[in-house]
Amino acid sequence: MHKDEIVEEVREVRRAHAAAHGDDLRRIFEDLRRKQLASGRTAVRLPPRPARDFKRASGSSTAR
């Protein structure tokens, strides 16, 4: 499979950021939130969309 250089670069930045915060999800989140607030940009929060019903394709072997 072909390796996408951009995807690999993004993954490396993510790994480095996580390592800088001890791979602690709470510390990673707090750092990202701090950066978001410091940026001065408005974050958009959309209301949740209602769940939609969907029909399974006939002949599906998955029983629920």
Foldseek 3Di string as FASTA:
>chain_A
DDDDPVVVVVVVVVVVLCVVQVVDPVSSVVVVVVVVVVVVDDDDDDDDDDDDDDDDDPPDPDDD
